[in-house]
Amino acid sequence: MAFTHSQKKYLKKNIKHLSLAEVARNLNLSEKEILHYLKNIWSKEKYRKFLQLARVEVLPTNGPLPRWLNWKILVFLAFLVLAVYFNSLNNAFLSDDIAAIRNNPNINNISYFFQPPFNLSLRSFVIFLTHKIFGLQPLFYRLSNVFFHLGSTWLIYFILSFFFVGFIPLMATTIFAVHPILTESVTWISGGPYSNGAFFGFLTVLLYFIFRQKQEKKFYLFSLFPFIIASLFSEKLIILPIILLLYEICFGQFKKNWRRLIPFFVLSLLFGLKLLGLLGERVTSLETTYYQQPGLDNPLIQIPIAISSYLSLIFWPKALTLYHSELTFSQTQYLVKLAIFILFW
């Protein structure tokens, strides 16, 4: 598209003072058209510096590999993950692993991962396949968790590269790769839905960001599929559209792109309705298997304790355990946790 004289004049005057999104909106052009024009009139160095300052066009359509595909960094992150979790690979089945895998008579049946018409568990499918191929060797069940965690580590590095340049993406990703708070989701076989679902959740976010930068619809369509897969691994991932919504509000163009988020929220609604349908079965299971009495917990107590406890574990990961549900607090401790939660919020 050829720019008019007035468009060129406006672009020259405002490109250094306004965001790329604002300039594109004011000129009624796409960001991709403006970037293509600037690339043709500017030197490579000037264009590169502009991209770094504006944090756009992370994925060039031609030329050398982008910065976030630096193979040395990817190898370094892989080394960190494998070095940290290598000594856990040969551990035995633990806790829920025993009933769900080792002593489960249905592990070779399709009903183990699929109950018509809609109840499909991709995590159970991974265990089903692992058992078919490797039998009851804990190493291979746990190894898949490690590989999914490694994939999430790489994806986080890619995602952060959309917002920062230099050392920040590598530093933040390194912390994620080795942080002890993630031990449960990686080394505990039954914690696999967290590492598996997280990988496809991060992949959804990355593909959506690529779509926003390149404005190619194929990346938008591609982002919907891993979101479905993530939700089939862990129902907790149905909140993912809220993250995309916050991104558009804080960094994107919400008024322009809110329609793009509708399919994500529709899928979340469908998965949420499915979960409501399974609620009765879950209540029955808790009553008959774990002898728990039905009732409602006060969210005003649960949420501040949960958020403040996780914040504490992030900065001081001491006394990690599989089970945090039976912790008790004095009134003073609760007030402190409530204050931390309010300050965080």
Protein backbone atom coordinates (compact mmCIF):
# COMPACT_ATOMS: atom_id res chain seq x y z
CA MET A 1 0.00 0.00 0.00
CA ALA A 2 1.37 3.43 -0.97
CA PHE A 3 1.33 6.01 1.83
CA THR A 4 -0.09 9.45 1.09
CA HIS A 5 1.98 12.56 1.66
CA SER A 6 -0.01 13.47 4.77
CA GLN A 7 0.42 9.96 6.19
CA LYS A 8 4.17 10.07 5.65
CA LYS A 9 4.35 13.51 7.25
CA TYR A 10 2.33 12.39 10.28
CA LEU A 11 4.40 9.23 10.60
CA LYS A 12 7.69 11.13 10.54
CA LYS A 13 6.45 13.57 13.16
CA ASN A 14 4.87 11.13 15.63
CA ILE A 15 6.51 7.71 15.33
CA LYS A 16 9.10 8.57 17.99
CA HIS A 17 6.59 10.05 20.44
CA LEU A 18 3.53 7.81 20.17
CA SER A 19 3.24 4.03 20.38
CA LEU A 20 3.04 2.04 17.18
CA ALA A 21 -0.53 1.06 18.04
CA GLU A 22 -1.59 4.70 18.44
CA VAL A 23 0.03 5.75 15.16
CA ALA A 24 -1.61 2.86 13.33
CA ARG A 25 -4.99 3.71 14.80
CA ASN A 26 -4.72 7.41 13.97
CA LEU A 27 -3.68 6.67 10.38
CA ASN A 28 -6.28 3.90 10.01
CA LEU A 29 -3.51 1.49 9.01
CA SER A 30 -2.31 -1.83 10.35
CA GLU A 31 0.86 -2.04 12.43
CA LYS A 32 2.23 -4.49 9.86
CA GLU A 33 1.87 -1.91 7.04
CA ILE A 34 3.70 0.75 9.05
CA LEU A 35 6.52 -1.63 9.97
CA HIS A 36 6.92 -2.66 6.35
CA TYR A 37 7.16 0.99 5.30
CA LEU A 38 9.70 1.85 8.01
CA LYS A 39 11.80 -1.17 7.13
CA ASN A 40 12.06 0.07 3.54
CA ILE A 41 13.03 3.67 4.35
CA TRP A 42 15.26 3.19 7.40
CA SER A 43 18.66 1.60 7.76
CA LYS A 44 18.79 -1.90 9.28
CA GLU A 45 20.34 -0.60 12.49
CA LYS A 46 17.77 2.18 12.95
CA TYR A 47 14.92 -0.24 12.24
CA ARG A 48 16.35 -2.82 14.68
CA LYS A 49 16.64 -0.24 17.47
CA PHE A 50 13.08 0.88 16.86
CA LEU A 51 11.83 -2.70 17.19
CA GLN A 52 13.66 -3.12 20.47
CA LEU A 53 12.28 0.09 21.92
CA ALA A 54 8.75 -0.55 20.66
CA ARG A 55 8.93 -4.29 21.57
CA VAL A 56 7.35 -5.35 18.31
CA GLU A 57 7.95 -7.72 15.43
CA VAL A 58 9.69 -10.38 17.48
CA LEU A 59 9.34 -12.83 14.63
CA PRO A 60 10.77 -11.44 11.36
CA THR A 61 9.52 -13.10 8.21
CA ASN A 62 12.98 -13.46 6.75
CA GLY A 63 16.61 -13.06 7.67
CA PRO A 64 18.50 -14.76 10.52
CA LEU A 65 16.87 -16.49 13.46
CA PRO A 66 15.31 -14.04 15.91
CA ARG A 67 17.06 -13.43 19.21
CA TRP A 68 14.74 -15.66 21.21
CA LEU A 69 15.66 -18.68 19.09
CA ASN A 70 19.28 -18.53 20.24
CA TRP A 71 20.17 -22.22 20.46
CA LYS A 72 22.83 -21.62 23.12
CA ILE A 73 20.23 -20.21 25.50
CA LEU A 74 17.85 -23.07 24.78
CA VAL A 75 20.60 -25.62 25.46
CA PHE A 76 21.53 -23.84 28.69
CA LEU A 77 17.92 -23.93 29.91
CA ALA A 78 17.64 -27.61 28.98
CA PHE A 79 20.80 -28.36 30.94
CA LEU A 80 19.39 -26.60 34.01
CA VAL A 81 16.09 -28.49 33.94
CA LEU A 82 17.65 -31.91 33.36
CA ALA A 83 20.38 -31.34 35.95
CA VAL A 84 17.88 -30.32 38.64
CA TYR A 85 15.38 -33.12 38.06
CA PHE A 86 17.66 -35.97 36.97
CA ASN A 87 17.97 -37.45 40.45
CA SER A 88 14.17 -37.76 40.78
CA LEU A 89 13.57 -39.83 37.66
CA ASN A 90 13.99 -43.25 39.26
CA ASN A 91 11.92 -42.56 42.37
CA ALA A 92 9.07 -44.94 43.16
CA PHE A 93 5.35 -44.36 42.74
CA LEU A 94 4.05 -42.07 45.49
CA SER A 95 0.71 -41.26 47.07
CA ASP A 96 -1.98 -41.02 44.36
CA ASP A 97 0.35 -42.74 41.88
CA ILE A 98 -0.18 -46.04 43.66
CA ALA A 99 -3.96 -46.18 43.29
CA ALA A 100 -4.15 -44.37 39.94
CA ILE A 101 -1.35 -46.27 38.17
CA ARG A 102 0.36 -49.14 39.95
CA ASN A 103 -2.74 -50.79 41.44
CA ASN A 104 -5.32 -49.62 38.92
CA PRO A 105 -7.00 -52.61 37.20
CA ASN A 106 -8.44 -50.38 34.44
CA ILE A 107 -5.16 -48.84 33.28
CA ASN A 108 -5.19 -50.89 30.06
CA ASN A 109 -8.79 -50.03 29.19
CA ILE A 110 -9.98 -47.11 27.08
CA SER A 111 -12.33 -46.19 29.93
CA TYR A 112 -9.22 -45.19 31.88
CA PHE A 113 -8.99 -41.96 29.86
CA PHE A 114 -12.29 -41.69 27.97
CA GLN A 115 -15.88 -42.07 29.14
CA PRO A 116 -18.43 -41.15 26.44
CA PRO A 117 -19.65 -38.73 25.43
CA PHE A 118 -17.43 -35.88 26.68
CA ASN A 119 -15.29 -37.02 29.59
CA LEU A 120 -11.80 -37.16 28.05
CA SER A 121 -8.62 -36.85 30.15
CA LEU A 122 -5.47 -36.29 28.11
CA ARG A 123 -3.27 -36.81 31.18
CA SER A 124 -4.81 -40.26 31.68
CA PHE A 125 -4.22 -40.90 27.97
CA VAL A 126 -0.50 -40.12 28.43
CA ILE A 127 -0.36 -42.58 31.34
CA PHE A 128 -2.30 -45.17 29.31
CA LEU A 129 0.22 -44.96 26.45
CA THR A 130 3.20 -44.97 28.81
CA HIS A 131 1.91 -48.14 30.46
CA LYS A 132 1.32 -49.79 27.09
CA ILE A 133 4.88 -49.08 25.98
CA PHE A 134 6.98 -49.21 29.17
CA GLY A 135 4.85 -51.05 31.72
CA LEU A 136 5.17 -50.00 35.38
CA GLN A 137 8.55 -48.28 35.29
CA PRO A 138 8.19 -44.96 37.18
CA LEU A 139 11.06 -43.36 35.26
CA PHE A 140 9.07 -43.04 32.03
CA TYR A 141 5.95 -41.65 33.71
CA ARG A 142 8.03 -38.99 35.43
CA LEU A 143 10.19 -38.28 32.37
CA SER A 144 7.21 -36.91 30.45
CA ASN A 145 6.64 -34.37 33.24
CA VAL A 146 10.27 -33.24 32.98
CA PHE A 147 10.05 -32.80 29.20
CA PHE A 148 6.82 -30.84 29.47
CA HIS A 149 8.43 -28.62 32.11
CA LEU A 150 11.38 -28.05 29.80
CA GLY A 151 8.99 -27.10 27.00
CA SER A 152 7.24 -24.62 29.32
CA THR A 153 10.62 -23.16 30.24
CA TRP A 154 11.46 -22.49 26.61
CA LEU A 155 8.00 -21.04 25.94
CA ILE A 156 8.29 -18.64 28.87
CA TYR A 157 11.59 -17.40 27.48
CA PHE A 158 9.95 -16.80 24.09
CA ILE A 159 6.97 -15.00 25.67
CA LEU A 160 9.12 -12.73 27.83
CA SER A 161 11.12 -11.78 24.75
CA PHE A 162 8.02 -9.99 23.49
CA PHE A 163 8.25 -7.53 26.38
CA PHE A 164 11.94 -7.31 27.25
CA VAL A 165 15.30 -7.42 25.55
CA GLY A 166 18.68 -8.35 26.93
CA PHE A 167 19.19 -10.32 30.15
CA ILE A 168 15.74 -10.08 31.73
CA PRO A 169 14.01 -12.93 29.81
CA LEU A 170 16.89 -15.30 30.49
CA MET A 171 17.09 -14.43 34.19
CA ALA A 172 13.36 -14.81 34.79
CA THR A 173 13.18 -18.06 32.82
CA THR A 174 16.15 -19.49 34.72
CA ILE A 175 14.29 -18.93 38.00
CA PHE A 176 11.23 -20.72 36.60
CA ALA A 177 13.35 -23.63 35.35
CA VAL A 178 14.78 -24.50 38.77
CA HIS A 179 12.37 -23.01 41.33
CA PRO A 180 11.56 -25.57 44.07
CA ILE A 181 7.87 -24.63 44.17
CA LEU A 182 7.42 -26.46 40.85
CA THR A 183 8.82 -29.73 42.22
CA GLU A 184 5.35 -31.17 42.83
CA SER A 185 4.20 -30.72 39.23
CA VAL A 186 7.41 -32.19 37.80
CA THR A 187 8.60 -34.97 40.11
CA TRP A 188 5.22 -36.20 41.34
CA ILE A 189 3.70 -38.32 38.57
CA SER A 190 0.14 -37.50 39.61
CA GLY A 191 1.08 -33.80 39.45
CA GLY A 192 1.55 -34.23 35.70
CA PRO A 193 -1.65 -32.35 34.71
CA TYR A 194 -0.03 -29.16 35.98
CA SER A 195 3.15 -29.45 33.90
CA ASN A 196 1.31 -30.86 30.88
CA GLY A 197 -1.46 -28.26 30.93
CA ALA A 198 0.98 -25.44 31.60
CA PHE A 199 2.94 -26.27 28.44
CA PHE A 200 -0.11 -25.98 26.20
CA GLY A 201 -1.30 -22.91 28.10
CA PHE A 202 2.00 -21.13 27.46
CA LEU A 203 1.87 -22.29 23.83
CA THR A 204 -1.57 -20.70 23.50
CA VAL A 205 -0.26 -17.38 24.82
CA LEU A 206 2.80 -17.47 22.56
CA LEU A 207 0.79 -18.18 19.42
CA TYR A 208 -1.66 -15.42 20.30
CA PHE A 209 1.21 -12.96 20.76
CA ILE A 210 2.67 -14.00 17.41
CA PHE A 211 -0.72 -13.41 15.82
CA ARG A 212 -0.92 -9.96 17.38
CA GLN A 213 2.50 -9.02 16.02
CA LYS A 214 2.28 -10.57 12.55
CA GLN A 215 -1.48 -10.14 12.05
CA GLU A 216 -1.71 -13.53 10.30
CA LYS A 217 -4.95 -15.36 11.05
CA LYS A 218 -3.34 -18.79 10.93
CA PHE A 219 -1.56 -18.05 14.21
CA TYR A 220 -4.86 -17.01 15.76
CA LEU A 221 -6.47 -20.30 14.73
CA PHE A 222 -3.41 -22.22 15.90
CA SER A 223 -3.72 -20.59 19.34
CA LEU A 224 -7.20 -22.03 19.87
CA PHE A 225 -6.13 -25.67 19.54
CA PRO A 226 -3.52 -25.74 22.34
CA PHE A 227 -6.04 -23.98 24.58
CA ILE A 228 -8.45 -26.88 24.08
CA ILE A 229 -5.66 -29.36 24.75
CA ALA A 230 -4.57 -27.47 27.86
CA SER A 231 -8.12 -27.57 29.24
CA LEU A 232 -8.31 -31.32 28.59
CA PHE A 233 -5.13 -31.77 30.62
CA SER A 234 -6.21 -29.53 33.52
CA GLU A 235 -9.55 -27.84 34.04
CA LYS A 236 -7.76 -25.01 35.87
CA LEU A 237 -6.60 -23.69 32.48
CA ILE A 238 -10.10 -22.45 31.64
CA ILE A 239 -9.06 -19.13 33.23
CA LEU A 240 -6.52 -18.59 30.42
CA PRO A 241 -8.77 -16.21 28.42
CA ILE A 242 -8.64 -13.80 31.38
CA ILE A 243 -4.85 -13.57 30.89
CA LEU A 244 -5.34 -12.73 27.21
CA LEU A 245 -7.98 -10.17 28.18
CA LEU A 246 -5.61 -8.49 30.64
CA TYR A 247 -2.90 -8.45 27.96
CA GLU A 248 -5.19 -6.64 25.52
CA ILE A 249 -6.28 -4.16 28.18
CA CYS A 250 -2.78 -3.40 29.48
CA PHE A 251 -0.57 -3.77 26.39
CA GLY A 252 -2.76 -4.26 23.34
CA GLN A 253 -5.79 -2.72 21.69
CA PHE A 254 -8.84 -3.98 23.55
CA LYS A 255 -11.39 -1.99 21.57
CA LYS A 256 -10.01 -3.38 18.33
CA ASN A 257 -9.35 -6.98 19.37
CA TRP A 258 -11.99 -7.87 21.97
CA ARG A 259 -13.89 -9.93 19.40
CA ARG A 260 -10.85 -12.16 18.99
CA LEU A 261 -11.24 -13.23 22.61
CA ILE A 262 -14.84 -14.40 22.28
CA PRO A 263 -13.99 -17.96 21.06
CA PHE A 264 -11.64 -18.41 24.03
CA PHE A 265 -14.35 -17.41 26.50
CA VAL A 266 -16.93 -19.60 24.74
CA LEU A 267 -14.59 -22.59 25.05
CA SER A 268 -14.01 -21.75 28.73
CA LEU A 269 -17.76 -21.62 29.29
CA LEU A 270 -18.22 -25.05 27.68
CA PHE A 271 -15.47 -26.58 29.80
CA GLY A 272 -16.95 -24.90 32.87
CA LEU A 273 -20.37 -26.41 32.17
CA LYS A 274 -18.73 -29.80 31.76
CA LEU A 275 -17.08 -29.42 35.17
CA LEU A 276 -20.40 -28.51 36.78
CA GLY A 277 -21.82 -31.73 35.37
CA LEU A 278 -19.07 -33.71 37.12
CA LEU A 279 -19.55 -31.94 40.45
CA GLY A 280 -21.97 -34.54 41.84
CA GLU A 281 -19.58 -37.38 41.01
CA ARG A 282 -16.74 -35.53 42.75
CA VAL A 283 -18.80 -34.95 45.90
CA THR A 284 -19.75 -38.63 46.03
CA SER A 285 -16.11 -39.64 45.62
CA LEU A 286 -15.00 -37.40 48.50
CA GLU A 287 -17.72 -38.81 50.75
CA THR A 288 -17.16 -42.50 49.99
CA THR A 289 -13.39 -42.62 49.39
CA TYR A 290 -12.04 -39.89 51.66
CA TYR A 291 -14.90 -39.78 54.21
CA GLN A 292 -15.30 -36.01 53.98
CA GLN A 293 -18.55 -34.32 54.93
CA PRO A 294 -20.15 -32.04 52.32
CA GLY A 295 -20.11 -28.33 53.02
CA LEU A 296 -18.87 -24.95 51.87
CA ASP A 297 -15.61 -23.29 52.90
CA ASN A 298 -15.49 -19.55 53.40
CA PRO A 299 -13.61 -18.03 50.39
CA LEU A 300 -12.78 -14.93 52.46
CA ILE A 301 -10.61 -17.22 54.56
CA GLN A 302 -9.38 -19.60 51.88
CA ILE A 303 -8.29 -17.12 49.21
CA PRO A 304 -6.11 -14.79 51.37
CA ILE A 305 -4.43 -17.81 52.97
CA ALA A 306 -3.81 -19.50 49.62
CA ILE A 307 -2.42 -16.39 47.87
CA SER A 308 -0.22 -15.32 50.77
CA SER A 309 1.04 -18.89 51.28
CA TYR A 310 2.03 -19.19 47.62
CA LEU A 311 3.76 -15.81 47.74
CA SER A 312 5.68 -16.98 50.80
CA LEU A 313 6.71 -20.21 49.06
CA ILE A 314 7.86 -18.31 45.97
CA PHE A 315 10.26 -16.15 47.96
CA TRP A 316 11.11 -18.71 50.67
CA PRO A 317 10.25 -22.26 49.50
CA LYS A 318 10.54 -23.97 52.86
CA ALA A 319 8.57 -27.01 54.08
CA LEU A 320 7.17 -27.90 50.68
CA THR A 321 4.52 -30.62 50.85
CA LEU A 322 1.92 -32.28 48.66
CA TYR A 323 -0.88 -31.35 51.04
CA HIS A 324 -1.58 -27.82 52.30
CA SER A 325 -5.32 -28.26 52.90
CA GLU A 326 -5.12 -28.99 56.65
CA LEU A 327 -2.93 -26.08 57.73
CA THR A 328 -4.26 -24.11 60.70
CA PHE A 329 -3.66 -20.46 61.59
CA SER A 330 -4.22 -18.27 64.60
CA GLN A 331 -6.26 -15.11 64.28
CA THR A 332 -3.09 -13.00 64.27
CA GLN A 333 -1.52 -15.13 61.51
CA TYR A 334 -4.69 -14.85 59.46
CA LEU A 335 -4.72 -11.06 59.78
CA VAL A 336 -1.08 -10.92 58.65
CA LYS A 337 -1.89 -13.11 55.64
CA LEU A 338 -4.95 -11.00 54.89
CA ALA A 339 -2.80 -7.85 54.94
CA ILE A 340 -0.27 -9.46 52.58
CA PHE A 341 -3.09 -10.48 50.24
CA ILE A 342 -4.57 -6.95 50.21
CA LEU A 343 -1.17 -5.37 49.52
CA PHE A 344 -0.55 -7.87 46.71
CA TRP A 345 -3.96 -7.22 45.21
